[in-house]
């Protein structure tokens, strides 16, 4: 893990309460999870932009034969 940075944030009480209930963890872990989701959203956006633009050379029916 990289070096941590201490920050001060102002969050609406309701939002924090809902987030804490959702994660079941403390404030630091909850804020960390939220920031990780925001950071990951860029990767999701890039993946969505590729939708339908990549041609796979794999035969889907051939892959399914392994499951039988």
Protein backbone atom coordinates (compact mmCIF):
# COMPACT_ATOMS: atom_id res chain seq x y z
CA UNK A 1 0.00 0.00 0.00
CA UNK A 2 1.25 3.47 -0.79
CA UNK A 3 1.63 6.32 1.66
CA UNK A 4 -1.64 7.43 3.24
CA UNK A 5 -2.72 11.05 3.31
CA UNK A 6 -4.91 12.49 6.06
CA UNK A 7 -7.78 14.63 4.76
CA UNK A 8 -10.74 16.51 6.15
CA UNK A 9 -14.05 16.18 4.35
CA UNK A 10 -17.51 17.64 4.84
CA UNK A 11 -20.28 15.13 4.13
CA UNK A 12 -24.01 15.34 4.71
CA UNK A 13 -24.92 13.33 7.79
CA UNK A 14 -27.60 11.32 5.95
CA UNK A 15 -25.23 10.34 3.16
CA UNK A 16 -22.56 9.22 5.61
CA UNK A 17 -25.08 7.26 7.68
CA UNK A 18 -26.39 5.43 4.59
CA UNK A 19 -22.87 4.71 3.35
CA UNK A 20 -21.79 3.35 6.74
CA UNK A 21 -24.85 1.11 6.87
CA UNK A 22 -24.15 -0.11 3.36
CA UNK A 23 -20.53 -1.07 4.01
CA UNK A 24 -20.88 -2.15 7.62
CA UNK A 25 -17.46 -0.64 8.23
CA UNK A 26 -16.03 2.52 9.75
CA UNK A 27 -15.75 5.97 8.24
CA UNK A 28 -12.23 5.54 6.85
CA UNK A 29 -12.97 2.21 5.16
CA UNK A 30 -16.25 3.54 3.78
CA UNK A 31 -14.66 6.67 2.30
CA UNK A 32 -11.82 4.55 0.89
CA UNK A 33 -14.32 2.22 -0.82
CA UNK A 34 -16.19 5.19 -2.27
CA UNK A 35 -13.00 6.69 -3.67
CA UNK A 36 -12.00 3.33 -5.15
CA UNK A 37 -15.35 3.15 -6.93
CA UNK A 38 -14.90 6.65 -8.34
CA UNK A 39 -11.38 5.79 -9.52
CA UNK A 40 -12.61 2.56 -11.12
CA UNK A 41 -15.38 4.37 -12.99
CA UNK A 42 -12.81 5.67 -15.49
CA UNK A 43 -11.89 2.10 -16.43
CA UNK A 44 -15.59 1.24 -16.84
CA UNK A 45 -16.09 4.24 -19.12
CA UNK A 46 -13.15 3.18 -21.28
CA UNK A 47 -14.48 -0.38 -21.52
CA UNK A 48 -17.92 0.87 -22.55
CA UNK A 49 -16.34 2.93 -25.31
CA UNK A 50 -14.85 -0.28 -26.73
CA UNK A 51 -18.21 -2.04 -26.83
CA UNK A 52 -18.77 -3.54 -30.27
CA UNK A 53 -15.40 -2.35 -31.59
CA UNK A 54 -13.34 -5.46 -30.85
CA UNK A 55 -13.72 -8.54 -33.02
CA UNK A 56 -13.12 -11.83 -31.21
CA UNK A 57 -11.65 -14.70 -33.18
CA UNK A 58 -13.01 -17.24 -30.70
CA UNK A 59 -15.95 -19.43 -31.65
CA UNK A 60 -18.49 -19.17 -28.82
CA UNK A 61 -20.00 -22.56 -29.63
CA UNK A 62 -16.54 -24.14 -29.44
CA UNK A 63 -16.03 -22.67 -25.96
CA UNK A 64 -19.36 -24.02 -24.78
CA UNK A 65 -18.37 -27.60 -25.67
CA UNK A 66 -16.17 -27.71 -22.54
CA UNK A 67 -19.20 -27.20 -20.31
CA UNK A 68 -21.00 -30.32 -21.52
